[in-house]
């Protein structure tokens, strides 16, 4: 059976109750006796493995060198080796 969190709108008391999925009986606050409302909170999501970050698919840090730059560096390196 799941555990649900409830909050009283009158006295702001928070409580947790273990209830069945089909249990529709009202939940009463233990402090003041008024009807408590169920609190919905986001579920944590954990991404494991590769493919979840922008850096997983990049091999060259965001952009490819232009052809002119590579040809220029090759020409410069051939001059240096002569």
PDB file of N, CA and C in Angstrom:
ATOM      1  N   UNK A   1       0.839  -1.186   0.000  1.00  0.00           N
ATOM      2  CA  UNK A   1       0.000   0.000   0.000  1.00  0.00           C
ATOM      3  C   UNK A   1       0.883   1.248   0.000  1.00  0.00           C
ATOM      4  N   UNK A   2       0.557   2.223  -0.828  1.00  0.00           N
ATOM      5  CA  UNK A   2       1.381   3.432  -0.917  1.00  0.00           C
ATOM      6  C   UNK A   2       1.159   4.379   0.263  1.00  0.00           C
ATOM      7  N   UNK A   3       2.147   5.224   0.487  1.00  0.00           N
ATOM      8  CA  UNK A   3       2.081   6.248   1.529  1.00  0.00           C
ATOM      9  C   UNK A   3       1.792   7.580   0.857  1.00  0.00           C
ATOM     10  N   UNK A   4       0.766   8.283   1.341  1.00  0.00           N
ATOM     11  CA  UNK A   4       0.370   9.572   0.790  1.00  0.00           C
ATOM     12  C   UNK A   4       0.602  10.664   1.826  1.00  0.00           C
ATOM     13  N   UNK A   5       0.900  11.865   1.346  1.00  0.00           N
ATOM     14  CA  UNK A   5       1.095  13.016   2.225  1.00  0.00           C
ATOM     15  C   UNK A   5      -0.146  13.894   2.158  1.00  0.00           C
ATOM     16  N   UNK A   6      -0.609  14.341   3.328  1.00  0.00           N
ATOM     17  CA  UNK A   6      -1.785  15.195   3.427  1.00  0.00           C
ATOM     18  C   UNK A   6      -1.432  16.456   4.206  1.00  0.00           C
ATOM     19  N   UNK A   7      -2.190  17.541   3.930  1.00  0.00           N
ATOM     20  CA  UNK A   7      -1.990  18.807   4.628  1.00  0.00           C
ATOM     21  C   UNK A   7      -3.350  19.373   5.000  1.00  0.00           C
ATOM     22  N   UNK A   8      -3.469  19.825   6.228  1.00  0.00           N
ATOM     23  CA  UNK A   8      -4.711  20.412   6.695  1.00  0.00           C
ATOM     24  C   UNK A   8      -4.765  21.878   6.253  1.00  0.00           C
ATOM     25  N   UNK A   9      -5.844  22.317   5.587  1.00  0.00           N
ATOM     26  CA  UNK A   9      -5.926  23.714   5.148  1.00  0.00           C
ATOM     27  C   UNK A   9      -6.152  24.691   6.301  1.00  0.00           C
ATOM     28  N   UNK A  10      -6.647  24.204   7.421  1.00  0.00           N
ATOM     29  CA  UNK A  10      -6.933  25.100   8.558  1.00  0.00           C
ATOM     30  C   UNK A  10      -5.705  25.352   9.431  1.00  0.00           C
ATOM     31  N   UNK A  11      -5.093  24.284   9.931  1.00  0.00           N
ATOM     32  CA  UNK A  11      -3.969  24.455  10.866  1.00  0.00           C
ATOM     33  C   UNK A  11      -2.615  24.169  10.229  1.00  0.00           C
ATOM     34  N   UNK A  12      -2.570  23.846   8.920  1.00  0.00           N
ATOM     35  CA  UNK A  12      -1.334  23.610   8.151  1.00  0.00           C
ATOM     36  C   UNK A  12      -0.518  22.409   8.640  1.00  0.00           C
ATOM     37  N   UNK A  13      -1.148  21.495   9.358  1.00  0.00           N
ATOM     38  CA  UNK A  13      -0.473  20.288   9.816  1.00  0.00           C
ATOM     39  C   UNK A  13      -0.279  19.336   8.637  1.00  0.00           C
ATOM     40  N   UNK A  14       0.919  18.734   8.541  1.00  0.00           N
ATOM     41  CA  UNK A  14       1.210  17.761   7.491  1.00  0.00           C
ATOM     42  C   UNK A  14       1.274  16.377   8.126  1.00  0.00           C
ATOM     43  N   UNK A  15       0.706  15.378   7.413  1.00  0.00           N
ATOM     44  CA  UNK A  15       0.744  14.019   7.907  1.00  0.00           C
ATOM     45  C   UNK A  15       0.870  13.059   6.740  1.00  0.00           C
ATOM     46  N   UNK A  16       1.393  11.873   7.029  1.00  0.00           N
ATOM     47  CA  UNK A  16       1.540  10.822   6.032  1.00  0.00           C
ATOM     48  C   UNK A  16       0.680   9.642   6.448  1.00  0.00           C
ATOM     49  N   UNK A  17      -0.061   9.097   5.470  1.00  0.00           N
ATOM     50  CA  UNK A  17      -0.917   7.945   5.735  1.00  0.00           C
ATOM     51  C   UNK A  17      -0.687   6.869   4.690  1.00  0.00           C
ATOM     52  N   UNK A  18      -0.726   5.617   5.139  1.00  0.00           N
ATOM     53  CA  UNK A  18      -0.649   4.482   4.225  1.00  0.00           C
ATOM     54  C   UNK A  18      -2.091   4.091   3.896  1.00  0.00           C
ATOM     55  N   UNK A  19      -2.432   4.254   2.619  1.00  0.00           N
ATOM     56  CA  UNK A  19      -3.805   3.999   2.192  1.00  0.00           C
ATOM     57  C   UNK A  19      -3.809   3.162   0.926  1.00  0.00           C
ATOM     58  N   UNK A  20      -4.888   2.438   0.714  1.00  0.00           N
ATOM     59  CA  UNK A  20      -5.054   1.640  -0.499  1.00  0.00           C
ATOM     60  C   UNK A  20      -5.403   2.530  -1.676  1.00  0.00           C
ATOM     61  N   UNK A  21      -5.238   1.985  -2.872  1.00  0.00           N
ATOM     62  CA  UNK A  21      -5.530   2.757  -4.081  1.00  0.00           C
ATOM     63  C   UNK A  21      -7.010   3.126  -4.172  1.00  0.00           C
ATOM     64  N   UNK A  22      -7.883   2.262  -3.731  1.00  0.00           N
ATOM     65  CA  UNK A  22      -9.320   2.478  -3.863  1.00  0.00           C
ATOM     66  C   UNK A  22      -9.959   3.054  -2.603  1.00  0.00           C
ATOM     67  N   UNK A  23      -9.180   3.395  -1.611  1.00  0.00           N
ATOM     68  CA  UNK A  23      -9.713   3.935  -0.358  1.00  0.00           C
ATOM     69  C   UNK A  23     -10.135   5.386  -0.573  1.00  0.00           C
ATOM     70  N   UNK A  24     -11.445   5.654  -0.490  1.00  0.00           N
ATOM     71  CA  UNK A  24     -11.959   6.993  -0.746  1.00  0.00           C
ATOM     72  C   UNK A  24     -12.514   7.666   0.509  1.00  0.00           C
ATOM     73  N   UNK A  25     -12.270   7.119   1.672  1.00  0.00           N
ATOM     74  CA  UNK A  25     -12.769   7.721   2.902  1.00  0.00           C
ATOM     75  C   UNK A  25     -12.024   9.033   3.157  1.00  0.00           C
ATOM     76  N   UNK A  26     -12.709  10.026   3.748  1.00  0.00           N
ATOM     77  CA  UNK A  26     -12.050  11.321   3.985  1.00  0.00           C
ATOM     78  C   UNK A  26     -10.953  11.195   5.048  1.00  0.00           C
ATOM     79  N   UNK A  27      -9.936  12.005   4.898  1.00  0.00           N
ATOM     80  CA  UNK A  27      -8.828  12.019   5.850  1.00  0.00           C
ATOM     81  C   UNK A  27      -9.030  13.216   6.764  1.00  0.00           C
ATOM     82  N   UNK A  28      -9.068  12.954   8.054  1.00  0.00           N
ATOM     83  CA  UNK A  28      -9.285  14.016   9.033  1.00  0.00           C
ATOM     84  C   UNK A  28      -7.973  14.382   9.709  1.00  0.00           C
ATOM     85  N   UNK A  29      -7.801  15.664   9.954  1.00  0.00           N
ATOM     86  CA  UNK A  29      -6.599  16.166  10.629  1.00  0.00           C
ATOM     87  C   UNK A  29      -6.619  15.703  12.088  1.00  0.00           C
ATOM     88  N   UNK A  30      -5.509  15.182  12.598  1.00  0.00           N
ATOM     89  CA  UNK A  30      -5.481  14.734  13.993  1.00  0.00           C
ATOM     90  C   UNK A  30      -5.481  15.897  14.991  1.00  0.00           C
ATOM     91  N   UNK A  31      -5.140  17.119  14.549  1.00  0.00           N
ATOM     92  CA  UNK A  31      -5.074  18.266  15.453  1.00  0.00           C
ATOM     93  C   UNK A  31      -6.425  18.972  15.598  1.00  0.00           C
ATOM     94  N   UNK A  32      -7.038  19.317  14.443  1.00  0.00           N
ATOM     95  CA  UNK A  32      -8.274  20.114  14.502  1.00  0.00           C
ATOM     96  C   UNK A  32      -9.510  19.362  14.026  1.00  0.00           C
ATOM     97  N   UNK A  33      -9.348  18.232  13.343  1.00  0.00           N
ATOM     98  CA  UNK A  33     -10.483  17.426  12.928  1.00  0.00           C
ATOM     99  C   UNK A  33     -11.091  17.795  11.587  1.00  0.00           C
ATOM    100  N   UNK A  34     -10.537  18.774  10.881  1.00  0.00           N
ATOM    101  CA  UNK A  34     -11.081  19.148   9.573  1.00  0.00           C
ATOM    102  C   UNK A  34     -10.536  18.214   8.489  1.00  0.00           C
ATOM    103  N   UNK A  35     -11.125  18.294   7.294  1.00  0.00           N
ATOM    104  CA  UNK A  35     -10.684  17.452   6.177  1.00  0.00           C
ATOM    105  C   UNK A  35      -9.311  17.896   5.677  1.00  0.00           C
ATOM    106  N   UNK A  36      -8.407  16.955   5.545  1.00  0.00           N
ATOM    107  CA  UNK A  36      -7.064  17.240   5.027  1.00  0.00           C
ATOM    108  C   UNK A  36      -7.039  16.994   3.530  1.00  0.00           C
ATOM    109  N   UNK A  37      -6.219  17.765   2.818  1.00  0.00           N
ATOM    110  CA  UNK A  37      -6.087  17.640   1.359  1.00  0.00           C
ATOM    111  C   UNK A  37      -4.793  16.908   1.029  1.00  0.00           C
ATOM    112  N   UNK A  38      -4.854  16.120  -0.013  1.00  0.00           N
ATOM    113  CA  UNK A  38      -3.670  15.366  -0.435  1.00  0.00           C
ATOM    114  C   UNK A  38      -2.677  16.300  -1.119  1.00  0.00           C
ATOM    115  N   UNK A  39      -1.401  16.141  -0.815  1.00  0.00           N
ATOM    116  CA  UNK A  39      -0.324  16.961  -1.374  1.00  0.00           C
ATOM    117  C   UNK A  39       0.343  16.166  -2.484  1.00  0.00           C
ATOM    118  N   UNK A  40       0.457  16.781  -3.654  1.00  0.00           N
ATOM    119  CA  UNK A  40       1.139  16.149  -4.783  1.00  0.00           C
ATOM    120  C   UNK A  40       2.514  16.779  -4.923  1.00  0.00           C
ATOM    121  N   UNK A  41       3.524  15.962  -5.028  1.00  0.00           N
ATOM    122  CA  UNK A  41       4.888  16.469  -5.183  1.00  0.00           C
ATOM    123  C   UNK A  41       5.541  15.768  -6.368  1.00  0.00           C
ATOM    124  N   UNK A  42       6.499  16.434  -7.022  1.00  0.00           N
ATOM    125  CA  UNK A  42       7.140  15.839  -8.196  1.00  0.00           C
ATOM    126  C   UNK A  42       7.985  14.619  -7.831  1.00  0.00           C
ATOM    127  N   UNK A  43       8.051  13.705  -8.756  1.00  0.00           N
ATOM    128  CA  UNK A  43       8.834  12.492  -8.572  1.00  0.00           C
ATOM    129  C   UNK A  43      10.249  12.745  -9.076  1.00  0.00           C
ATOM    130  N   UNK A  44      11.268  12.382  -8.304  1.00  0.00           N
ATOM    131  CA  UNK A  44      12.636  12.587  -8.792  1.00  0.00           C
ATOM    132  C   UNK A  44      12.956  11.647  -9.950  1.00  0.00           C
ATOM    133  N   UNK A  45      13.627  12.180 -10.966  1.00  0.00           N
ATOM    134  CA  UNK A  45      14.011  11.398 -12.130  1.00  0.00           C
ATOM    135  C   UNK A  45      15.539  11.357 -12.190  1.00  0.00           C
ATOM    136  N   UNK A  46      16.088  10.179 -12.317  1.00  0.00           N
ATOM    137  CA  UNK A  46      17.544  10.022 -12.388  1.00  0.00           C
ATOM    138  C   UNK A  46      17.891   9.449 -13.751  1.00  0.00           C
ATOM    139  N   UNK A  47      18.708  10.180 -14.502  1.00  0.00           N
ATOM    140  CA  UNK A  47      19.138   9.736 -15.820  1.00  0.00           C
ATOM    141  C   UNK A  47      20.473   9.023 -15.677  1.00  0.00           C
ATOM    142  N   UNK A  48      20.499   7.750 -16.009  1.00  0.00           N
ATOM    143  CA  UNK A  48      21.737   6.980 -15.932  1.00  0.00           C
ATOM    144  C   UNK A  48      22.154   6.570 -17.329  1.00  0.00           C
ATOM    145  N   UNK A  49      23.446   6.469 -17.539  1.00  0.00           N
ATOM    146  CA  UNK A  49      23.960   6.025 -18.830  1.00  0.00           C
ATOM    147  C   UNK A  49      24.365   7.199 -19.701  1.00  0.00           C
ATOM    148  N   UNK A  50      24.810   6.884 -20.895  1.00  0.00           N
ATOM    149  CA  UNK A  50      25.260   7.929 -21.802  1.00  0.00           C
ATOM    150  C   UNK A  50      24.096   8.424 -22.651  1.00  0.00           C
ATOM    151  N   UNK A  51      24.265   9.598 -23.219  1.00  0.00           N
ATOM    152  CA  UNK A  51      23.263  10.139 -24.116  1.00  0.00           C
ATOM    153  C   UNK A  51      22.370  11.187 -23.501  1.00  0.00           C
ATOM    154  N   UNK A  52      22.562  11.546 -22.239  1.00  0.00           N
ATOM    155  CA  UNK A  52      21.694  12.508 -21.584  1.00  0.00           C
ATOM    156  C   UNK A  52      22.298  13.899 -21.485  1.00  0.00           C
ATOM    157  N   UNK A  53      23.551  14.047 -21.799  1.00  0.00           N
ATOM    158  CA  UNK A  53      24.194  15.347 -21.717  1.00  0.00           C
ATOM    159  C   UNK A  53      24.588  15.808 -23.105  1.00  0.00           C
ATOM    160  N   UNK A  54      24.654  17.111 -23.303  1.00  0.00           N
ATOM    161  CA  UNK A  54      24.986  17.650 -24.624  1.00  0.00           C
ATOM    162  C   UNK A  54      26.414  17.313 -25.024  1.00  0.00           C
ATOM    163  N   UNK A  55      27.275  17.019 -24.077  1.00  0.00           N
ATOM    164  CA  UNK A  55      28.667  16.709 -24.392  1.00  0.00           C
ATOM    165  C   UNK A  55      28.880  15.249 -24.776  1.00  0.00           C
ATOM    166  N   UNK A  56      27.860  14.406 -24.625  1.00  0.00           N
ATOM    167  CA  UNK A  56      28.021  12.987 -24.941  1.00  0.00           C
ATOM    168  C   UNK A  56      28.223  12.726 -26.423  1.00  0.00           C
ATOM    169  N   UNK A  57      27.631  13.528 -27.285  1.00  0.00           N
ATOM    170  CA  UNK A  57      27.692  13.282 -28.719  1.00  0.00           C
ATOM    171  C   UNK A  57      28.734  14.137 -29.430  1.00  0.00           C
ATOM    172  N   UNK A  58      29.270  15.106 -28.770  1.00  0.00           N
ATOM    173  CA  UNK A  58      30.220  16.007 -29.421  1.00  0.00           C
ATOM    174  C   UNK A  58      31.633  15.460 -29.298  1.00  0.00           C
ATOM    175  N   UNK A  59      32.309  15.424 -30.420  1.00  0.00           N
ATOM    176  CA  UNK A  59      33.687  14.964 -30.421  1.00  0.00           C
ATOM    177  C   UNK A  59      34.665  16.124 -30.514  1.00  0.00           C
ATOM    178  N   UNK A  60      34.208  17.261 -31.054  1.00  0.00           N
ATOM    179  CA  UNK A  60      35.138  18.351 -31.329  1.00  0.00           C
ATOM    180  C   UNK A  60      34.718  19.653 -30.652  1.00  0.00           C
ATOM    181  N   UNK A  61      34.082  19.579 -29.535  1.00  0.00           N
ATOM    182  CA  UNK A  61      33.729  20.739 -28.721  1.00  0.00           C
ATOM    183  C   UNK A  61      32.852  21.749 -29.449  1.00  0.00           C
ATOM    184  N   UNK A  62      31.929  21.321 -30.264  1.00  0.00           N
ATOM    185  CA  UNK A  62      30.911  22.216 -30.773  1.00  0.00           C
ATOM    186  C   UNK A  62      30.949  22.581 -32.232  1.00  0.00           C
ATOM    187  N   UNK A  63      32.113  22.618 -32.886  1.00  0.00           N
ATOM    188  CA  UNK A  63      32.130  22.970 -34.308  1.00  0.00           C
ATOM    189  C   UNK A  63      33.313  22.305 -34.995  1.00  0.00           C
ATOM    190  N   UNK A  64      33.158  22.127 -36.279  1.00  0.00           N
ATOM    191  CA  UNK A  64      34.228  21.525 -37.065  1.00  0.00           C
ATOM    192  C   UNK A  64      35.119  22.622 -37.625  1.00  0.00           C
ATOM    193  N   UNK A  65      36.416  22.402 -37.723  1.00  0.00           N
ATOM    194  CA  UNK A  65      37.282  23.420 -38.328  1.00  0.00           C
ATOM    195  C   UNK A  65      36.968  23.575 -39.804  1.00  0.00           C
ATOM    196  N   UNK A  66      37.085  24.783 -40.281  1.00  0.00           N
ATOM    197  CA  UNK A  66      36.799  25.045 -41.693  1.00  0.00           C
ATOM    198  C   UNK A  66      37.902  24.460 -42.565  1.00  0.00           C
ATOM    199  N   UNK A  67      37.569  24.171 -43.827  1.00  0.00           N
ATOM    200  CA  UNK A  67      38.536  23.563 -44.735  1.00  0.00           C
ATOM    201  C   UNK A  67      39.713  24.484 -45.001  1.00  0.00           C
ATOM    202  N   UNK A  68      39.446  25.776 -45.073  1.00  0.00           N
ATOM    203  CA  UNK A  68      40.533  26.731 -45.341  1.00  0.00           C
ATOM    204  C   UNK A  68      41.543  26.717 -44.213  1.00  0.00           C
ATOM    205  N   UNK A  69      41.059  26.618 -42.978  1.00  0.00           N
ATOM    206  CA  UNK A  69      41.974  26.605 -41.843  1.00  0.00           C
ATOM    207  C   UNK A  69      42.835  25.346 -41.849  1.00  0.00           C
ATOM    208  N   UNK A  70      42.247  24.198 -42.164  1.00  0.00           N
ATOM    209  CA  UNK A  70      43.029  22.960 -42.158  1.00  0.00           C
ATOM    210  C   UNK A  70      44.064  22.956 -43.275  1.00  0.00           C
ATOM    211  N   UNK A  71      43.694  23.458 -44.453  1.00  0.00           N
ATOM    212  CA  UNK A  71      44.661  23.526 -45.550  1.00  0.00           C
ATOM    213  C   UNK A  71      45.780  24.509 -45.215  1.00  0.00           C
ATOM    214  N   UNK A  72      45.433  25.599 -44.547  1.00  0.00           N
ATOM    215  CA  UNK A  72      46.424  26.613 -44.170  1.00  0.00           C
ATOM    216  C   UNK A  72      47.405  26.031 -43.149  1.00  0.00           C
ATOM    217  N   UNK A  73      46.891  25.298 -42.171  1.00  0.00           N
ATOM    218  CA  UNK A  73      47.785  24.709 -41.162  1.00  0.00           C
ATOM    219  C   UNK A  73      48.657  23.614 -41.768  1.00  0.00           C
ATOM    220  N   UNK A  74      48.117  22.866 -42.742  1.00  0.00           N
ATOM    221  CA  UNK A  74      48.942  21.846 -43.409  1.00  0.00           C
ATOM    222  C   UNK A  74      50.071  22.503 -44.206  1.00  0.00           C
ATOM    223  N   UNK A  75      49.782  23.611 -44.860  1.00  0.00           N
ATOM    224  CA  UNK A  75      50.814  24.319 -45.640  1.00  0.00           C
ATOM    225  C   UNK A  75      51.882  24.893 -44.718  1.00  0.00           C
ATOM    226  N   UNK A  76      51.467  25.427 -43.573  1.00  0.00           N
ATOM    227  CA  UNK A  76      52.415  25.977 -42.623  1.00  0.00           C
ATOM    228  C   UNK A  76      53.306  24.893 -42.029  1.00  0.00           C
ATOM    229  N   UNK A  77      52.730  23.731 -41.749  1.00  0.00           N
ATOM    230  CA  UNK A  77      53.522  22.646 -41.154  1.00  0.00           C
ATOM    231  C   UNK A  77      54.499  22.063 -42.171  1.00  0.00           C
ATOM    232  N   UNK A  78      54.129  22.061 -43.455  1.00  0.00           N
ATOM    233  CA  UNK A  78      55.068  21.553 -44.486  1.00  0.00           C
ATOM    234  C   UNK A  78      56.230  22.526 -44.667  1.00  0.00           C
ATOM    235  N   UNK A  79      56.015  23.828 -44.509  1.00  0.00           N
ATOM    236  CA  UNK A  79      57.098  24.810 -44.601  1.00  0.00           C
ATOM    237  C   UNK A  79      58.083  24.641 -43.447  1.00  0.00           C
ATOM    238  N   UNK A  80      57.522  24.357 -42.260  1.00  0.00           N
ATOM    239  CA  UNK A  80      58.372  24.197 -41.083  1.00  0.00           C
ATOM    240  C   UNK A  80      59.247  22.962 -41.177  1.00  0.00           C
ATOM    241  N   UNK A  81      58.784  21.904 -41.830  1.00  0.00           N
ATOM    242  CA  UNK A  81      59.547  20.670 -41.903  1.00  0.00           C
ATOM    243  C   UNK A  81      60.649  20.729 -42.977  1.00  0.00           C
ATOM    244  N   UNK A  82      60.562  21.726 -43.901  1.00  0.00           N
ATOM    245  CA  UNK A  82      61.582  21.826 -44.948  1.00  0.00           C
ATOM    246  C   UNK A  82      62.864  22.363 -44.466  1.00  0.00           C
TER     247      UNK A  82
END
